[in-house]
Amino acid sequence: MAKVNVDAGACGYMTKIEATPNGGTEVKLDIVSDCPHVQALAKEYKTADGMKEVLAPFGEGKLFESAKKHIKHAACPVPSGIMKAIEVASGLALPRDVTIKIEK
């Protein structure tokens, strides 16, 4: 299982992602968020084939198609957090934190 917590930044929304292996590279997703746009994505995107998602060209695959439909802000970090959870839960990546630091 992989658990990812995303603090989206200035919008103040928090998202919790749990990805559970479901046989092969298939993953079951449980996404809980304060953001109404992520909530809409979560209703539609409940399972993923890790291999297909990870090998899809950037911006393609079921995750990003759903994100294009529901997420309204291009810089939203939640889809990346979901992808990282899928990678780890399907055994295609090691669990390592990702950090974005912004300075002005």
N, C-alpha and C. Protein backbone atom coordinates (compact mmCIF):
# COMPACT_ATOMS: atom_id res chain seq x y z
N MET A 1 0.84 -1.18 0.00
CA MET A 1 0.00 0.00 0.00
C MET A 1 0.89 1.24 0.00
N ALA A 2 0.39 2.28 -0.63
CA ALA A 2 1.07 3.57 -0.62
C ALA A 2 0.09 4.63 -0.11
N LYS A 3 0.59 5.49 0.77
CA LYS A 3 -0.20 6.61 1.26
C LYS A 3 0.53 7.89 0.91
N VAL A 4 -0.21 8.82 0.31
CA VAL A 4 0.38 10.10 -0.10
C VAL A 4 -0.53 11.21 0.42
N ASN A 5 0.08 12.20 1.06
CA ASN A 5 -0.64 13.39 1.51
C ASN A 5 -0.15 14.57 0.69
N VAL A 6 -1.09 15.29 0.09
CA VAL A 6 -0.74 16.44 -0.74
C VAL A 6 -1.34 17.71 -0.13
N ASP A 7 -0.45 18.64 0.19
CA ASP A 7 -0.85 19.98 0.60
C ASP A 7 -0.69 20.82 -0.67
N ALA A 8 -1.80 21.19 -1.28
CA ALA A 8 -1.77 21.81 -2.61
C ALA A 8 -1.24 23.24 -2.62
N GLY A 9 -1.02 23.84 -1.46
CA GLY A 9 -0.41 25.17 -1.44
C GLY A 9 -1.39 26.27 -1.13
N ALA A 10 -1.36 27.31 -1.95
CA ALA A 10 -2.11 28.53 -1.67
C ALA A 10 -3.62 28.32 -1.57
N CYS A 11 -4.16 27.34 -2.27
CA CYS A 11 -5.60 27.09 -2.21
C CYS A 11 -6.02 26.55 -0.84
N GLY A 12 -5.05 25.97 -0.12
CA GLY A 12 -5.32 25.46 1.22
C GLY A 12 -5.93 24.07 1.26
N TYR A 13 -6.15 23.45 0.12
CA TYR A 13 -6.79 22.13 0.10
C TYR A 13 -5.78 21.02 0.39
N MET A 14 -6.24 20.06 1.18
CA MET A 14 -5.44 18.88 1.49
C MET A 14 -6.08 17.68 0.81
N THR A 15 -5.25 16.76 0.34
CA THR A 15 -5.74 15.54 -0.29
C THR A 15 -4.96 14.36 0.28
N LYS A 16 -5.70 13.29 0.63
CA LYS A 16 -5.10 12.04 1.10
C LYS A 16 -5.39 10.97 0.05
N ILE A 17 -4.34 10.28 -0.35
CA ILE A 17 -4.45 9.25 -1.38
C ILE A 17 -3.94 7.94 -0.79
N GLU A 18 -4.75 6.89 -0.89
CA GLU A 18 -4.32 5.55 -0.53
C GLU A 18 -4.43 4.69 -1.77
N ALA A 19 -3.35 4.04 -2.13
CA ALA A 19 -3.33 3.15 -3.29
C ALA A 19 -3.00 1.75 -2.78
N THR A 20 -3.87 0.80 -3.09
CA THR A 20 -3.72 -0.57 -2.61
C THR A 20 -3.55 -1.51 -3.79
N PRO A 21 -2.54 -2.38 -3.76
CA PRO A 21 -2.37 -3.35 -4.84
C PRO A 21 -3.63 -4.22 -4.98
N ASN A 22 -3.98 -4.51 -6.23
CA ASN A 22 -5.21 -5.26 -6.49
C ASN A 22 -4.94 -6.36 -7.52
N GLY A 23 -3.72 -6.90 -7.51
CA GLY A 23 -3.36 -7.97 -8.44
C GLY A 23 -2.58 -7.44 -9.63
N GLY A 24 -1.41 -8.01 -9.89
CA GLY A 24 -0.56 -7.52 -10.97
C GLY A 24 -0.14 -6.10 -10.69
N THR A 25 -0.31 -5.24 -11.69
CA THR A 25 -0.01 -3.82 -11.46
C THR A 25 -1.29 -3.00 -11.31
N GLU A 26 -2.41 -3.68 -11.11
CA GLU A 26 -3.66 -2.95 -10.87
C GLU A 26 -3.69 -2.43 -9.44
N VAL A 27 -4.24 -1.23 -9.28
CA VAL A 27 -4.26 -0.55 -7.98
C VAL A 27 -5.66 -0.02 -7.72
N LYS A 28 -6.13 -0.19 -6.48
CA LYS A 28 -7.39 0.41 -6.04
C LYS A 28 -7.05 1.72 -5.36
N LEU A 29 -7.79 2.78 -5.68
CA LEU A 29 -7.51 4.11 -5.13
C LEU A 29 -8.62 4.60 -4.21
N ASP A 30 -8.20 5.19 -3.11
CA ASP A 30 -9.11 5.88 -2.20
C ASP A 30 -8.56 7.30 -2.06
N ILE A 31 -9.27 8.26 -2.64
CA ILE A 31 -8.83 9.65 -2.66
C ILE A 31 -9.83 10.49 -1.89
N VAL A 32 -9.34 11.17 -0.83
CA VAL A 32 -10.18 12.03 0.00
C VAL A 32 -9.59 13.43 -0.05
N SER A 33 -10.42 14.42 -0.39
CA SER A 33 -9.90 15.78 -0.55
C SER A 33 -10.92 16.82 -0.11
N ASP A 34 -10.39 17.98 0.33
CA ASP A 34 -11.23 19.13 0.60
C ASP A 34 -11.66 19.82 -0.69
N CYS A 35 -10.91 19.59 -1.78
CA CYS A 35 -11.15 20.29 -3.05
C CYS A 35 -12.30 19.65 -3.82
N PRO A 36 -13.29 20.43 -4.23
CA PRO A 36 -14.42 19.87 -4.98
C PRO A 36 -14.00 19.30 -6.34
N HIS A 37 -12.96 19.85 -6.94
CA HIS A 37 -12.52 19.35 -8.24
C HIS A 37 -11.84 17.99 -8.10
N VAL A 38 -11.03 17.84 -7.06
CA VAL A 38 -10.40 16.55 -6.79
C VAL A 38 -11.46 15.53 -6.37
N GLN A 39 -12.48 15.96 -5.64
CA GLN A 39 -13.57 15.07 -5.26
C GLN A 39 -14.25 14.50 -6.51
N ALA A 40 -14.45 15.34 -7.52
CA ALA A 40 -15.07 14.87 -8.76
C ALA A 40 -14.17 13.86 -9.47
N LEU A 41 -12.87 14.13 -9.49
CA LEU A 41 -11.92 13.19 -10.08
C LEU A 41 -11.98 11.86 -9.32
N ALA A 42 -12.01 11.91 -8.00
CA ALA A 42 -12.00 10.71 -7.16
C ALA A 42 -13.22 9.82 -7.41
N LYS A 43 -14.36 10.43 -7.69
CA LYS A 43 -15.58 9.66 -7.98
C LYS A 43 -15.43 8.85 -9.26
N GLU A 44 -14.68 9.39 -10.21
CA GLU A 44 -14.51 8.76 -11.52
C GLU A 44 -13.31 7.81 -11.57
N TYR A 45 -12.28 8.12 -10.83
CA TYR A 45 -10.99 7.42 -10.95
C TYR A 45 -10.73 6.58 -9.70
N LYS A 46 -11.20 5.33 -9.70
CA LYS A 46 -11.14 4.48 -8.51
C LYS A 46 -10.12 3.35 -8.62
N THR A 47 -9.73 3.00 -9.84
CA THR A 47 -8.72 1.96 -10.05
C THR A 47 -7.79 2.41 -11.16
N ALA A 48 -6.60 1.83 -11.15
CA ALA A 48 -5.62 2.17 -12.18
C ALA A 48 -4.78 0.95 -12.52
N ASP A 49 -4.39 0.85 -13.76
CA ASP A 49 -3.39 -0.13 -14.17
C ASP A 49 -2.06 0.59 -14.13
N GLY A 50 -1.26 0.29 -13.11
CA GLY A 50 -0.01 1.00 -12.90
C GLY A 50 0.91 0.99 -14.10
N MET A 51 1.03 -0.15 -14.74
CA MET A 51 1.92 -0.26 -15.90
C MET A 51 1.47 0.67 -17.03
N LYS A 52 0.18 0.66 -17.33
CA LYS A 52 -0.33 1.52 -18.41
C LYS A 52 -0.17 3.00 -18.07
N GLU A 53 -0.45 3.36 -16.81
CA GLU A 53 -0.36 4.77 -16.41
C GLU A 53 1.08 5.25 -16.44
N VAL A 54 2.00 4.46 -15.90
CA VAL A 54 3.40 4.87 -15.81
C VAL A 54 4.04 4.95 -17.20
N LEU A 55 3.66 4.06 -18.09
CA LEU A 55 4.28 4.04 -19.42
C LEU A 55 3.58 4.94 -20.44
N ALA A 56 2.43 5.50 -20.07
CA ALA A 56 1.73 6.41 -20.99
C ALA A 56 2.56 7.68 -21.20
N PRO A 57 2.52 8.27 -22.38
CA PRO A 57 3.21 9.56 -22.57
C PRO A 57 2.68 10.59 -21.57
N PHE A 58 3.55 11.53 -21.20
CA PHE A 58 3.18 12.54 -20.21
C PHE A 58 1.90 13.26 -20.63
N GLY A 59 0.96 13.37 -19.71
CA GLY A 59 -0.30 14.05 -19.98
C GLY A 59 -1.36 13.15 -20.58
N GLU A 60 -1.02 11.90 -20.82
CA GLU A 60 -1.98 10.94 -21.36
C GLU A 60 -2.26 9.87 -20.31
N GLY A 61 -3.03 8.89 -20.65
CA GLY A 61 -3.43 7.87 -19.69
C GLY A 61 -4.72 8.28 -19.00
N LYS A 62 -5.34 7.32 -18.31
CA LYS A 62 -6.64 7.57 -17.68
C LYS A 62 -6.57 8.64 -16.59
N LEU A 63 -5.49 8.64 -15.82
CA LEU A 63 -5.38 9.64 -14.74
C LEU A 63 -5.41 11.05 -15.30
N PHE A 64 -4.56 11.32 -16.28
CA PHE A 64 -4.48 12.68 -16.79
C PHE A 64 -5.69 13.06 -17.64
N GLU A 65 -6.34 12.08 -18.26
CA GLU A 65 -7.59 12.38 -18.97
C GLU A 65 -8.66 12.82 -17.96
N SER A 66 -8.73 12.13 -16.83
CA SER A 66 -9.67 12.51 -15.78
C SER A 66 -9.30 13.87 -15.18
N ALA A 67 -8.01 14.09 -14.98
CA ALA A 67 -7.56 15.37 -14.43
C ALA A 67 -7.90 16.52 -15.38
N LYS A 68 -7.72 16.31 -16.67
CA LYS A 68 -8.07 17.36 -17.65
C LYS A 68 -9.54 17.73 -17.55
N LYS A 69 -10.36 16.74 -17.27
CA LYS A 69 -11.81 16.94 -17.20
C LYS A 69 -12.23 17.66 -15.91
N HIS A 70 -11.56 17.37 -14.80
CA HIS A 70 -12.04 17.84 -13.50
C HIS A 70 -11.19 18.91 -12.83
N ILE A 71 -9.88 18.85 -12.97
CA ILE A 71 -8.99 19.79 -12.26
C ILE A 71 -8.93 21.10 -13.03
N LYS A 72 -9.16 22.19 -12.34
CA LYS A 72 -9.26 23.50 -13.00
C LYS A 72 -7.98 24.31 -13.00
N HIS A 73 -6.97 23.88 -12.24
CA HIS A 73 -5.74 24.65 -12.13
C HIS A 73 -4.58 23.82 -12.67
N ALA A 74 -3.91 24.32 -13.69
CA ALA A 74 -2.85 23.56 -14.37
C ALA A 74 -1.70 23.16 -13.45
N ALA A 75 -1.43 23.95 -12.41
CA ALA A 75 -0.31 23.65 -11.52
C ALA A 75 -0.69 22.79 -10.32
N CYS A 76 -1.91 22.28 -10.29
CA CYS A 76 -2.35 21.44 -9.17
C CYS A 76 -1.42 20.24 -9.02
N PRO A 77 -0.86 20.03 -7.82
CA PRO A 77 0.07 18.92 -7.61
C PRO A 77 -0.62 17.58 -7.33
N VAL A 78 -1.93 17.57 -7.18
CA VAL A 78 -2.62 16.34 -6.80
C VAL A 78 -2.47 15.23 -7.84
N PRO A 79 -2.65 15.48 -9.15
CA PRO A 79 -2.46 14.38 -10.10
C PRO A 79 -1.08 13.73 -10.00
N SER A 80 -0.05 14.52 -9.76
CA SER A 80 1.29 13.96 -9.59
C SER A 80 1.35 13.09 -8.34
N GLY A 81 0.70 13.52 -7.28
CA GLY A 81 0.65 12.73 -6.05
C GLY A 81 -0.07 11.40 -6.27
N ILE A 82 -1.15 11.44 -7.04
CA ILE A 82 -1.87 10.21 -7.37
C ILE A 82 -0.97 9.28 -8.18
N MET A 83 -0.26 9.82 -9.15
CA MET A 83 0.64 9.01 -9.98
C MET A 83 1.73 8.38 -9.13
N LYS A 84 2.30 9.13 -8.19
CA LYS A 84 3.34 8.58 -7.32
C LYS A 84 2.77 7.43 -6.48
N ALA A 85 1.55 7.59 -5.98
CA ALA A 85 0.92 6.52 -5.19
C ALA A 85 0.71 5.26 -6.04
N ILE A 86 0.28 5.45 -7.28
CA ILE A 86 0.08 4.33 -8.19
C ILE A 86 1.40 3.61 -8.44
N GLU A 87 2.46 4.38 -8.71
CA GLU A 87 3.78 3.78 -8.96
C GLU A 87 4.23 2.90 -7.80
N VAL A 88 4.13 3.43 -6.60
CA VAL A 88 4.61 2.70 -5.42
C VAL A 88 3.74 1.48 -5.15
N ALA A 89 2.42 1.65 -5.17
CA ALA A 89 1.52 0.54 -4.85
C ALA A 89 1.61 -0.59 -5.87
N SER A 90 1.93 -0.27 -7.11
CA SER A 90 2.03 -1.30 -8.15
C SER A 90 3.44 -1.89 -8.24
N GLY A 91 4.35 -1.43 -7.38
CA GLY A 91 5.70 -1.98 -7.35
C GLY A 91 6.62 -1.43 -8.43
N LEU A 92 6.26 -0.30 -9.02
CA LEU A 92 7.04 0.27 -10.12
C LEU A 92 7.95 1.41 -9.69
N ALA A 93 7.91 1.77 -8.41
CA ALA A 93 8.79 2.83 -7.89
C ALA A 93 8.98 2.64 -6.40
N LEU A 94 10.06 3.17 -5.89
CA LEU A 94 10.32 3.15 -4.46
C LEU A 94 9.58 4.30 -3.78
N PRO A 95 9.18 4.12 -2.54
CA PRO A 95 8.50 5.21 -1.83
C PRO A 95 9.49 6.29 -1.39
N ARG A 96 9.52 7.37 -2.11
CA ARG A 96 10.39 8.51 -1.80
C ARG A 96 9.56 9.79 -1.86
N ASP A 97 9.82 10.70 -0.93
CA ASP A 97 9.12 11.98 -0.93
C ASP A 97 9.54 12.81 -2.14
N VAL A 98 8.61 13.62 -2.58
CA VAL A 98 8.84 14.60 -3.65
C VAL A 98 8.65 15.97 -3.02
N THR A 99 9.54 16.90 -3.32
CA THR A 99 9.45 18.22 -2.71
C THR A 99 9.49 19.31 -3.78
N ILE A 100 8.62 20.29 -3.63
CA ILE A 100 8.66 21.49 -4.46
C ILE A 100 8.76 22.65 -3.48
N LYS A 101 9.81 23.44 -3.60
CA LYS A 101 9.97 24.61 -2.73
C LYS A 101 9.92 25.84 -3.62
N ILE A 102 9.13 26.81 -3.19
CA ILE A 102 8.97 28.03 -3.97
C ILE A 102 9.53 29.21 -3.17
N GLU A 103 10.38 29.99 -3.79
CA GLU A 103 10.95 31.16 -3.16
C GLU A 103 10.65 32.39 -4.00
N LYS A 104 10.57 33.51 -3.36
CA LYS A 104 10.36 34.75 -4.08
C LYS A 104 11.31 35.79 -3.53
